[in-house]
Amino acid sequence: MANRIYITNIQKKKRVPLGAYSLIRKCCEAVLIAEGFPYFAEISVRLVDNEEIKRLNGEYRRKNEETDVLSFPMFEGGQPDEAPADKRPVVLGDIVISLEKAYTQAEAYSHSIRREIGFLTAHSMLHLLGRHHEEGKSEKAIRETEEAVLSKLGLSREKKNNGRID
C-alpha cells in the first residue's frame, strides 16, 4: 500500500506549471517522512483561484479575504488515536492552494512558482499533521521543517532566473 494524494485543478486563471502535480506529491511524501507519520496517508489537494479561496476562507474561518492556502485536517492532533485495523490509509484532510496567489507571492518573494507551490504544500501538510504556528516557539520549528523539506527537494531559497519565474 502507498500514500494516496489526489490533486484537482478547478481554476482557469493561471496555468499549472509543468511538474506541479509531481512536486505536490513529493512535498506531501517528504513532510510525512520528516514528521515520522507512521501510517499510509490520504490527502486531497485542490488548486483554486483567489475568488474561491476567499469564499472558503469566509465560510470556514469567517475571514472575508483571500489567502494563499487553507488546511482542513481530519484529526485535531494530526493523526488517529490508533492505527487503522485494515491498514487502509489514514485520511489526513484537505489542502486548498490558490494558484493565483501562489504566482503573486512567487513574484513578490523573487523565487520560482515551484518553490512557492512546494512551500504552500509543505506548510499545509504540517497543519494537517497537527503543527500550528500560532503557538510562538513552534513557528520557528515549522519554518525549519519547511525549509528542510524544500531543500531536500532542491527548492531551497533561490532567486528567479533573469526575471523569469520557473
N, C-alpha and C. Protein backbone atom coordinates (compact mmCIF):
# COMPACT_ATOMS: atom_id res chain seq x y z
N MET A 1 0.85 -1.18 0.00
CA MET A 1 0.00 0.00 0.00
C MET A 1 0.89 1.24 0.00
N ALA A 2 0.37 2.33 -0.52
CA ALA A 2 1.12 3.57 -0.60
C ALA A 2 0.23 4.74 -0.20
N ASN A 3 0.86 5.89 -0.02
CA ASN A 3 0.09 7.10 0.25
C ASN A 3 -0.76 7.43 -0.97
N ARG A 4 -1.92 8.00 -0.71
CA ARG A 4 -2.81 8.42 -1.79
C ARG A 4 -2.92 9.94 -1.73
N ILE A 5 -2.50 10.58 -2.81
CA ILE A 5 -2.53 12.04 -2.87
C ILE A 5 -3.31 12.42 -4.13
N TYR A 6 -4.49 12.97 -3.92
CA TYR A 6 -5.37 13.33 -5.03
C TYR A 6 -5.27 14.83 -5.27
N ILE A 7 -5.00 15.22 -6.51
CA ILE A 7 -4.82 16.63 -6.85
C ILE A 7 -5.82 17.00 -7.94
N THR A 8 -6.53 18.10 -7.71
CA THR A 8 -7.53 18.58 -8.67
C THR A 8 -7.31 20.06 -8.91
N ASN A 9 -7.31 20.45 -10.17
CA ASN A 9 -7.22 21.86 -10.55
C ASN A 9 -8.61 22.32 -10.94
N ILE A 10 -9.22 23.23 -10.17
CA ILE A 10 -10.56 23.71 -10.51
C ILE A 10 -10.56 25.17 -10.94
N GLN A 11 -9.38 25.74 -11.16
CA GLN A 11 -9.29 27.14 -11.57
C GLN A 11 -8.80 27.21 -13.02
N LYS A 12 -9.06 28.34 -13.65
CA LYS A 12 -8.64 28.53 -15.04
C LYS A 12 -7.85 29.83 -15.24
N LYS A 13 -7.51 30.52 -14.17
CA LYS A 13 -6.86 31.83 -14.30
C LYS A 13 -5.35 31.74 -14.50
N LYS A 14 -4.72 30.71 -13.97
CA LYS A 14 -3.27 30.55 -14.09
C LYS A 14 -2.96 29.14 -14.60
N ARG A 15 -1.92 29.06 -15.40
CA ARG A 15 -1.53 27.73 -15.87
C ARG A 15 -0.88 26.96 -14.73
N VAL A 16 -1.13 25.67 -14.71
CA VAL A 16 -0.48 24.81 -13.72
C VAL A 16 0.92 24.53 -14.27
N PRO A 17 1.96 24.89 -13.53
CA PRO A 17 3.32 24.68 -14.02
C PRO A 17 3.60 23.20 -14.31
N LEU A 18 4.40 22.97 -15.32
CA LEU A 18 4.81 21.62 -15.66
C LEU A 18 5.45 20.95 -14.44
N GLY A 19 5.02 19.77 -14.11
CA GLY A 19 5.58 19.03 -12.98
C GLY A 19 5.00 19.40 -11.63
N ALA A 20 3.99 20.29 -11.60
CA ALA A 20 3.44 20.74 -10.31
C ALA A 20 2.78 19.59 -9.55
N TYR A 21 2.08 18.71 -10.24
CA TYR A 21 1.40 17.61 -9.53
C TYR A 21 2.43 16.68 -8.88
N SER A 22 3.49 16.39 -9.61
CA SER A 22 4.56 15.55 -9.07
C SER A 22 5.22 16.24 -7.88
N LEU A 23 5.45 17.54 -8.00
CA LEU A 23 6.05 18.32 -6.91
C LEU A 23 5.17 18.28 -5.66
N ILE A 24 3.88 18.46 -5.83
CA ILE A 24 2.95 18.43 -4.69
C ILE A 24 3.01 17.07 -4.01
N ARG A 25 3.00 16.00 -4.81
CA ARG A 25 3.08 14.65 -4.22
C ARG A 25 4.39 14.47 -3.45
N LYS A 26 5.50 14.90 -4.06
CA LYS A 26 6.81 14.77 -3.40
C LYS A 26 6.85 15.56 -2.09
N CYS A 27 6.27 16.75 -2.09
CA CYS A 27 6.25 17.56 -0.86
C CYS A 27 5.43 16.86 0.23
N CYS A 28 4.28 16.34 -0.14
CA CYS A 28 3.45 15.62 0.84
C CYS A 28 4.22 14.45 1.42
N GLU A 29 4.83 13.66 0.55
CA GLU A 29 5.60 12.49 0.99
C GLU A 29 6.76 12.91 1.89
N ALA A 30 7.49 13.96 1.50
CA ALA A 30 8.65 14.40 2.28
C ALA A 30 8.25 14.87 3.67
N VAL A 31 7.12 15.56 3.78
CA VAL A 31 6.67 16.01 5.10
C VAL A 31 6.26 14.81 5.95
N LEU A 32 5.57 13.86 5.36
CA LEU A 32 5.18 12.65 6.11
C LEU A 32 6.41 11.95 6.66
N ILE A 33 7.46 11.86 5.86
CA ILE A 33 8.71 11.23 6.30
C ILE A 33 9.38 12.07 7.37
N ALA A 34 9.49 13.37 7.13
CA ALA A 34 10.15 14.27 8.09
C ALA A 34 9.47 14.25 9.46
N GLU A 35 8.15 14.12 9.44
CA GLU A 35 7.39 14.13 10.70
C GLU A 35 7.22 12.73 11.29
N GLY A 36 7.73 11.71 10.61
CA GLY A 36 7.65 10.34 11.12
C GLY A 36 6.22 9.82 11.20
N PHE A 37 5.38 10.21 10.24
CA PHE A 37 3.99 9.74 10.26
C PHE A 37 3.99 8.23 10.05
N PRO A 38 3.40 7.47 10.99
CA PRO A 38 3.56 6.02 10.99
C PRO A 38 2.63 5.22 10.08
N TYR A 39 1.70 5.87 9.40
CA TYR A 39 0.73 5.16 8.58
C TYR A 39 0.80 5.64 7.13
N PHE A 40 0.13 4.92 6.26
CA PHE A 40 -0.09 5.45 4.92
C PHE A 40 -1.15 6.52 5.05
N ALA A 41 -1.06 7.54 4.21
CA ALA A 41 -1.96 8.68 4.33
C ALA A 41 -2.74 8.90 3.04
N GLU A 42 -3.89 9.55 3.20
CA GLU A 42 -4.68 10.00 2.06
C GLU A 42 -4.88 11.50 2.22
N ILE A 43 -4.53 12.25 1.16
CA ILE A 43 -4.61 13.71 1.20
C ILE A 43 -5.25 14.17 -0.11
N SER A 44 -6.10 15.17 0.00
CA SER A 44 -6.70 15.78 -1.17
C SER A 44 -6.15 17.20 -1.30
N VAL A 45 -5.71 17.56 -2.52
CA VAL A 45 -5.18 18.89 -2.78
C VAL A 45 -5.98 19.49 -3.93
N ARG A 46 -6.51 20.69 -3.70
CA ARG A 46 -7.27 21.40 -4.74
C ARG A 46 -6.55 22.69 -5.08
N LEU A 47 -6.39 22.95 -6.36
CA LEU A 47 -5.84 24.21 -6.84
C LEU A 47 -7.02 25.09 -7.26
N VAL A 48 -7.10 26.28 -6.66
CA VAL A 48 -8.23 27.17 -6.89
C VAL A 48 -7.72 28.56 -7.25
N ASP A 49 -8.65 29.48 -7.54
CA ASP A 49 -8.29 30.87 -7.78
C ASP A 49 -8.57 31.69 -6.52
N ASN A 50 -8.24 32.97 -6.56
CA ASN A 50 -8.41 33.84 -5.38
C ASN A 50 -9.87 33.95 -4.96
N GLU A 51 -10.77 34.00 -5.91
CA GLU A 51 -12.19 34.12 -5.60
C GLU A 51 -12.68 32.92 -4.77
N GLU A 52 -12.28 31.72 -5.18
CA GLU A 52 -12.71 30.51 -4.47
C GLU A 52 -12.08 30.41 -3.09
N ILE A 53 -10.81 30.74 -2.97
CA ILE A 53 -10.17 30.63 -1.65
C ILE A 53 -10.73 31.69 -0.71
N LYS A 54 -11.08 32.85 -1.23
CA LYS A 54 -11.72 33.89 -0.41
C LYS A 54 -13.07 33.39 0.10
N ARG A 55 -13.83 32.73 -0.78
CA ARG A 55 -15.13 32.19 -0.38
C ARG A 55 -14.96 31.15 0.73
N LEU A 56 -14.00 30.24 0.54
CA LEU A 56 -13.76 29.20 1.55
C LEU A 56 -13.25 29.80 2.86
N ASN A 57 -12.37 30.79 2.77
CA ASN A 57 -11.84 31.45 3.97
C ASN A 57 -12.97 32.12 4.74
N GLY A 58 -13.90 32.72 4.02
CA GLY A 58 -15.06 33.34 4.67
C GLY A 58 -15.98 32.31 5.31
N GLU A 59 -16.22 31.25 4.58
CA GLU A 59 -17.14 30.22 5.08
C GLU A 59 -16.60 29.47 6.29
N TYR A 60 -15.33 29.10 6.25
CA TYR A 60 -14.78 28.24 7.30
C TYR A 60 -13.99 28.97 8.38
N ARG A 61 -13.46 30.16 8.07
CA ARG A 61 -12.66 30.87 9.06
C ARG A 61 -13.24 32.24 9.40
N ARG A 62 -14.34 32.59 8.77
CA ARG A 62 -15.01 33.88 9.00
C ARG A 62 -14.09 35.06 8.69
N LYS A 63 -13.21 34.87 7.69
CA LYS A 63 -12.31 35.94 7.25
C LYS A 63 -12.65 36.24 5.79
N ASN A 64 -13.12 37.44 5.54
CA ASN A 64 -13.55 37.81 4.20
C ASN A 64 -12.38 38.36 3.40
N GLU A 65 -11.38 37.50 3.17
CA GLU A 65 -10.18 37.89 2.44
C GLU A 65 -9.55 36.69 1.76
N GLU A 66 -8.78 37.00 0.73
CA GLU A 66 -8.02 35.96 0.05
C GLU A 66 -6.91 35.48 0.97
N THR A 67 -6.53 34.24 0.80
CA THR A 67 -5.36 33.71 1.48
C THR A 67 -4.64 32.83 0.48
N ASP A 68 -3.46 32.35 0.82
CA ASP A 68 -2.71 31.54 -0.12
C ASP A 68 -3.05 30.06 -0.04
N VAL A 69 -3.28 29.58 1.18
CA VAL A 69 -3.53 28.15 1.36
C VAL A 69 -4.42 27.94 2.58
N LEU A 70 -5.26 26.94 2.49
CA LEU A 70 -6.11 26.53 3.62
C LEU A 70 -5.88 25.06 3.88
N SER A 71 -5.93 24.68 5.14
CA SER A 71 -5.78 23.29 5.55
C SER A 71 -7.03 22.87 6.29
N PHE A 72 -7.51 21.68 5.98
CA PHE A 72 -8.69 21.14 6.65
C PHE A 72 -8.34 19.76 7.19
N PRO A 73 -7.73 19.72 8.40
CA PRO A 73 -7.31 18.43 8.97
C PRO A 73 -8.50 17.61 9.46
N MET A 74 -8.35 16.30 9.37
CA MET A 74 -9.39 15.39 9.84
C MET A 74 -9.25 15.10 11.34
N PHE A 75 -8.03 15.25 11.87
CA PHE A 75 -7.79 14.94 13.27
C PHE A 75 -7.20 16.16 13.97
N GLU A 76 -7.64 16.41 15.17
CA GLU A 76 -7.17 17.57 15.92
C GLU A 76 -5.66 17.50 16.17
N GLY A 77 -5.16 16.35 16.51
CA GLY A 77 -3.73 16.20 16.79
C GLY A 77 -2.92 15.77 15.59
N GLY A 78 -3.54 15.64 14.44
CA GLY A 78 -2.81 15.29 13.23
C GLY A 78 -2.81 13.83 12.86
N GLN A 79 -3.26 12.98 13.78
CA GLN A 79 -3.34 11.56 13.44
C GLN A 79 -4.32 10.86 14.36
N PRO A 80 -4.80 9.70 13.92
CA PRO A 80 -5.79 8.98 14.73
C PRO A 80 -5.16 8.47 16.03
N ASP A 81 -6.03 8.17 16.98
CA ASP A 81 -5.56 7.64 18.27
C ASP A 81 -4.99 6.23 18.13
N GLU A 82 -5.46 5.51 17.13
CA GLU A 82 -4.96 4.16 16.91
C GLU A 82 -4.85 3.87 15.43
N ALA A 83 -4.04 2.87 15.10
CA ALA A 83 -3.82 2.50 13.70
C ALA A 83 -5.10 1.95 13.08
N PRO A 84 -5.32 2.24 11.80
CA PRO A 84 -6.47 1.64 11.12
C PRO A 84 -6.33 0.12 11.14
N ALA A 85 -7.38 -0.57 11.52
CA ALA A 85 -7.34 -2.02 11.67
C ALA A 85 -7.04 -2.74 10.35
N ASP A 86 -7.54 -2.21 9.26
CA ASP A 86 -7.38 -2.90 7.98
C ASP A 86 -6.23 -2.34 7.13
N LYS A 87 -5.38 -1.53 7.72
CA LYS A 87 -4.19 -0.95 7.07
C LYS A 87 -4.53 -0.03 5.90
N ARG A 88 -5.76 0.44 5.82
CA ARG A 88 -6.10 1.44 4.82
C ARG A 88 -5.40 2.75 5.18
N PRO A 89 -5.18 3.63 4.20
CA PRO A 89 -4.55 4.92 4.53
C PRO A 89 -5.43 5.75 5.47
N VAL A 90 -4.78 6.52 6.29
CA VAL A 90 -5.46 7.45 7.19
C VAL A 90 -5.78 8.71 6.37
N VAL A 91 -7.04 9.09 6.36
CA VAL A 91 -7.43 10.31 5.65
C VAL A 91 -7.00 11.49 6.52
N LEU A 92 -5.95 12.20 6.09
CA LEU A 92 -5.42 13.32 6.87
C LEU A 92 -6.23 14.59 6.69
N GLY A 93 -6.75 14.81 5.49
CA GLY A 93 -7.55 16.00 5.26
C GLY A 93 -7.32 16.60 3.90
N ASP A 94 -7.70 17.87 3.78
CA ASP A 94 -7.68 18.56 2.50
C ASP A 94 -6.77 19.79 2.56
N ILE A 95 -6.13 20.05 1.44
CA ILE A 95 -5.32 21.25 1.24
C ILE A 95 -5.93 21.99 0.06
N VAL A 96 -6.09 23.31 0.22
CA VAL A 96 -6.60 24.14 -0.88
C VAL A 96 -5.56 25.24 -1.10
N ILE A 97 -5.02 25.29 -2.33
CA ILE A 97 -3.99 26.27 -2.68
C ILE A 97 -4.56 27.21 -3.73
N SER A 98 -4.43 28.51 -3.48
CA SER A 98 -4.77 29.49 -4.52
C SER A 98 -3.58 29.60 -5.45
N LEU A 99 -3.71 29.04 -6.65
CA LEU A 99 -2.62 29.11 -7.61
C LEU A 99 -2.39 30.55 -8.04
N GLU A 100 -3.46 31.31 -8.11
CA GLU A 100 -3.36 32.73 -8.46
C GLU A 100 -2.49 33.46 -7.43
N LYS A 101 -2.75 33.21 -6.15
CA LYS A 101 -1.99 33.84 -5.07
C LYS A 101 -0.54 33.32 -5.06
N ALA A 102 -0.36 32.05 -5.37
CA ALA A 102 0.99 31.47 -5.41
C ALA A 102 1.87 32.19 -6.44
N TYR A 103 1.31 32.47 -7.61
CA TYR A 103 2.06 33.20 -8.63
C TYR A 103 2.42 34.60 -8.13
N THR A 104 1.47 35.28 -7.51
CA THR A 104 1.71 36.63 -6.99
C THR A 104 2.81 36.61 -5.93
N GLN A 105 2.77 35.65 -5.02
CA GLN A 105 3.76 35.57 -3.95
C GLN A 105 5.13 35.16 -4.48
N ALA A 106 5.18 34.27 -5.46
CA ALA A 106 6.47 33.89 -6.05
C ALA A 106 7.15 35.13 -6.63
N GLU A 107 6.38 35.95 -7.29
CA GLU A 107 6.92 37.20 -7.85
C GLU A 107 7.37 38.14 -6.72
N ALA A 108 6.53 38.30 -5.71
CA ALA A 108 6.84 39.21 -4.61
C ALA A 108 8.09 38.78 -3.83
N TYR A 109 8.28 37.46 -3.67
CA TYR A 109 9.42 36.95 -2.90
C TYR A 109 10.63 36.64 -3.78
N SER A 110 10.50 36.91 -5.07
CA SER A 110 11.60 36.69 -6.03
C SER A 110 12.10 35.26 -6.04
N HIS A 111 11.18 34.32 -6.03
CA HIS A 111 11.58 32.93 -6.23
C HIS A 111 10.62 32.26 -7.21
N SER A 112 10.88 31.02 -7.52
CA SER A 112 10.12 30.32 -8.56
C SER A 112 8.73 29.93 -8.07
N ILE A 113 7.84 29.74 -9.03
CA ILE A 113 6.49 29.26 -8.71
C ILE A 113 6.57 27.85 -8.13
N ARG A 114 7.55 27.07 -8.56
CA ARG A 114 7.72 25.71 -8.00
C ARG A 114 8.02 25.79 -6.50
N ARG A 115 8.90 26.71 -6.12
CA ARG A 115 9.21 26.85 -4.69
C ARG A 115 7.98 27.29 -3.92
N GLU A 116 7.22 28.22 -4.48
CA GLU A 116 6.04 28.71 -3.76
C GLU A 116 5.00 27.60 -3.59
N ILE A 117 4.77 26.83 -4.63
CA ILE A 117 3.82 25.71 -4.52
C ILE A 117 4.35 24.69 -3.51
N GLY A 118 5.64 24.42 -3.56
CA GLY A 118 6.24 23.49 -2.59
C GLY A 118 6.11 23.99 -1.17
N PHE A 119 6.38 25.27 -0.97
CA PHE A 119 6.27 25.85 0.37
C PHE A 119 4.83 25.76 0.88
N LEU A 120 3.87 26.15 0.06
CA LEU A 120 2.46 26.12 0.49
C LEU A 120 2.01 24.70 0.80
N THR A 121 2.47 23.75 0.01
CA THR A 121 2.12 22.35 0.25
C THR A 121 2.73 21.86 1.56
N ALA A 122 4.02 22.11 1.74
CA ALA A 122 4.69 21.66 2.98
C ALA A 122 4.06 22.31 4.20
N HIS A 123 3.81 23.59 4.12
CA HIS A 123 3.20 24.33 5.23
C HIS A 123 1.85 23.73 5.60
N SER A 124 1.04 23.50 4.60
CA SER A 124 -0.30 22.97 4.84
C SER A 124 -0.25 21.53 5.37
N MET A 125 0.69 20.74 4.85
CA MET A 125 0.84 19.36 5.35
C MET A 125 1.16 19.35 6.84
N LEU A 126 2.00 20.28 7.27
CA LEU A 126 2.32 20.35 8.71
C LEU A 126 1.07 20.66 9.52
N HIS A 127 0.20 21.51 8.98
CA HIS A 127 -1.08 21.77 9.66
C HIS A 127 -1.94 20.51 9.71
N LEU A 128 -1.97 19.75 8.62
CA LEU A 128 -2.75 18.51 8.63
C LEU A 128 -2.23 17.54 9.68
N LEU A 129 -0.93 17.62 9.95
CA LEU A 129 -0.31 16.73 10.93
C LEU A 129 -0.34 17.31 12.35
N GLY A 130 -1.08 18.40 12.54
CA GLY A 130 -1.29 18.92 13.89
C GLY A 130 -0.32 19.99 14.32
N ARG A 131 0.56 20.46 13.44
CA ARG A 131 1.50 21.52 13.80
C ARG A 131 0.85 22.87 13.56
N HIS A 132 1.02 23.80 14.48
CA HIS A 132 0.43 25.13 14.37
C HIS A 132 1.47 26.18 14.68
N HIS A 133 1.40 27.30 13.98
CA HIS A 133 2.39 28.35 14.18
C HIS A 133 1.90 29.47 15.08
N GLU A 134 0.70 29.42 15.55
CA GLU A 134 0.20 30.46 16.45
C GLU A 134 0.73 30.31 17.87
N GLU A 135 1.49 29.28 18.12
CA GLU A 135 1.92 28.98 19.48
C GLU A 135 3.30 29.56 19.82
N GLY A 136 3.79 30.53 19.06
CA GLY A 136 5.06 31.17 19.38
C GLY A 136 6.27 30.39 18.93
N LYS A 137 6.91 29.65 19.85
CA LYS A 137 8.13 28.91 19.54
C LYS A 137 7.93 27.92 18.40
N SER A 138 6.73 27.37 18.29
CA SER A 138 6.51 26.34 17.28
C SER A 138 6.58 26.90 15.86
N GLU A 139 6.41 28.23 15.69
CA GLU A 139 6.52 28.81 14.35
C GLU A 139 7.93 28.62 13.80
N LYS A 140 8.94 28.83 14.64
CA LYS A 140 10.33 28.64 14.22
C LYS A 140 10.56 27.18 13.83
N ALA A 141 10.03 26.26 14.60
CA ALA A 141 10.19 24.83 14.30
C ALA A 141 9.50 24.46 12.99
N ILE A 142 8.34 25.05 12.75
CA ILE A 142 7.62 24.79 11.49
C ILE A 142 8.45 25.31 10.32
N ARG A 143 8.97 26.52 10.41
CA ARG A 143 9.78 27.10 9.34
C ARG A 143 11.02 26.24 9.06
N GLU A 144 11.64 25.73 10.11
CA GLU A 144 12.82 24.88 9.94
C GLU A 144 12.46 23.59 9.22
N THR A 145 11.33 22.98 9.58
CA THR A 145 10.89 21.76 8.90
C THR A 145 10.56 22.04 7.44
N GLU A 146 9.85 23.14 7.19
CA GLU A 146 9.51 23.51 5.80
C GLU A 146 10.77 23.67 4.97
N GLU A 147 11.74 24.41 5.50
CA GLU A 147 12.98 24.65 4.75
C GLU A 147 13.77 23.37 4.54
N ALA A 148 13.78 22.49 5.54
CA ALA A 148 14.49 21.21 5.39
C ALA A 148 13.85 20.38 4.28
N VAL A 149 12.54 20.32 4.26
CA VAL A 149 11.81 19.55 3.23
C VAL A 149 12.08 20.16 1.86
N LEU A 150 11.96 21.48 1.75
CA LEU A 150 12.16 22.13 0.45
C LEU A 150 13.61 21.97 -0.03
N SER A 151 14.56 22.06 0.86
CA SER A 151 15.97 21.87 0.48
C SER A 151 16.20 20.45 -0.02
N LYS A 152 15.61 19.49 0.65
CA LYS A 152 15.74 18.09 0.25
C LYS A 152 15.21 17.87 -1.17
N LEU A 153 14.20 18.65 -1.55
CA LEU A 153 13.60 18.53 -2.87
C LEU A 153 14.22 19.49 -3.89
N GLY A 154 15.32 20.14 -3.51
CA GLY A 154 16.01 21.05 -4.42
C GLY A 154 15.30 22.38 -4.59
N LEU A 155 14.52 22.78 -3.58
CA LEU A 155 13.76 24.03 -3.66
C LEU A 155 14.18 25.01 -2.57
N SER A 156 15.47 25.04 -2.27
CA SER A 156 15.93 26.00 -1.27
C SER A 156 15.72 27.40 -1.80
N ARG A 157 15.83 28.37 -0.92
CA ARG A 157 15.58 29.76 -1.33
C ARG A 157 16.52 30.13 -2.49
N GLU A 158 15.90 30.43 -3.63
CA GLU A 158 16.67 30.82 -4.80
C GLU A 158 16.01 32.02 -5.45
N LYS A 159 16.74 32.68 -6.27
CA LYS A 159 16.21 33.83 -7.00
C LYS A 159 15.70 33.38 -8.36
N LYS A 160 14.86 34.22 -8.93
CA LYS A 160 14.38 33.96 -10.28
C LYS A 160 15.54 34.04 -11.26
N ASN A 161 15.40 33.35 -12.38
CA ASN A 161 16.41 33.39 -13.43
C ASN A 161 16.05 34.46 -14.44
N ASN A 162 16.87 35.51 -14.52
CA ASN A 162 16.67 36.57 -15.49
C ASN A 162 15.24 37.12 -15.51
N GLY A 163 14.62 37.25 -14.35
CA GLY A 163 13.29 37.81 -14.27
C GLY A 163 12.19 36.84 -14.65
N ARG A 164 12.54 35.63 -15.02
CA ARG A 164 11.55 34.63 -15.44
C ARG A 164 11.22 33.75 -14.25
N ILE A 165 9.94 33.50 -14.03
CA ILE A 165 9.56 32.60 -12.96
C ILE A 165 9.60 31.18 -13.50
N ASP A 166 10.40 30.33 -12.87
CA ASP A 166 10.47 28.93 -13.30
C ASP A 166 9.28 28.14 -12.80
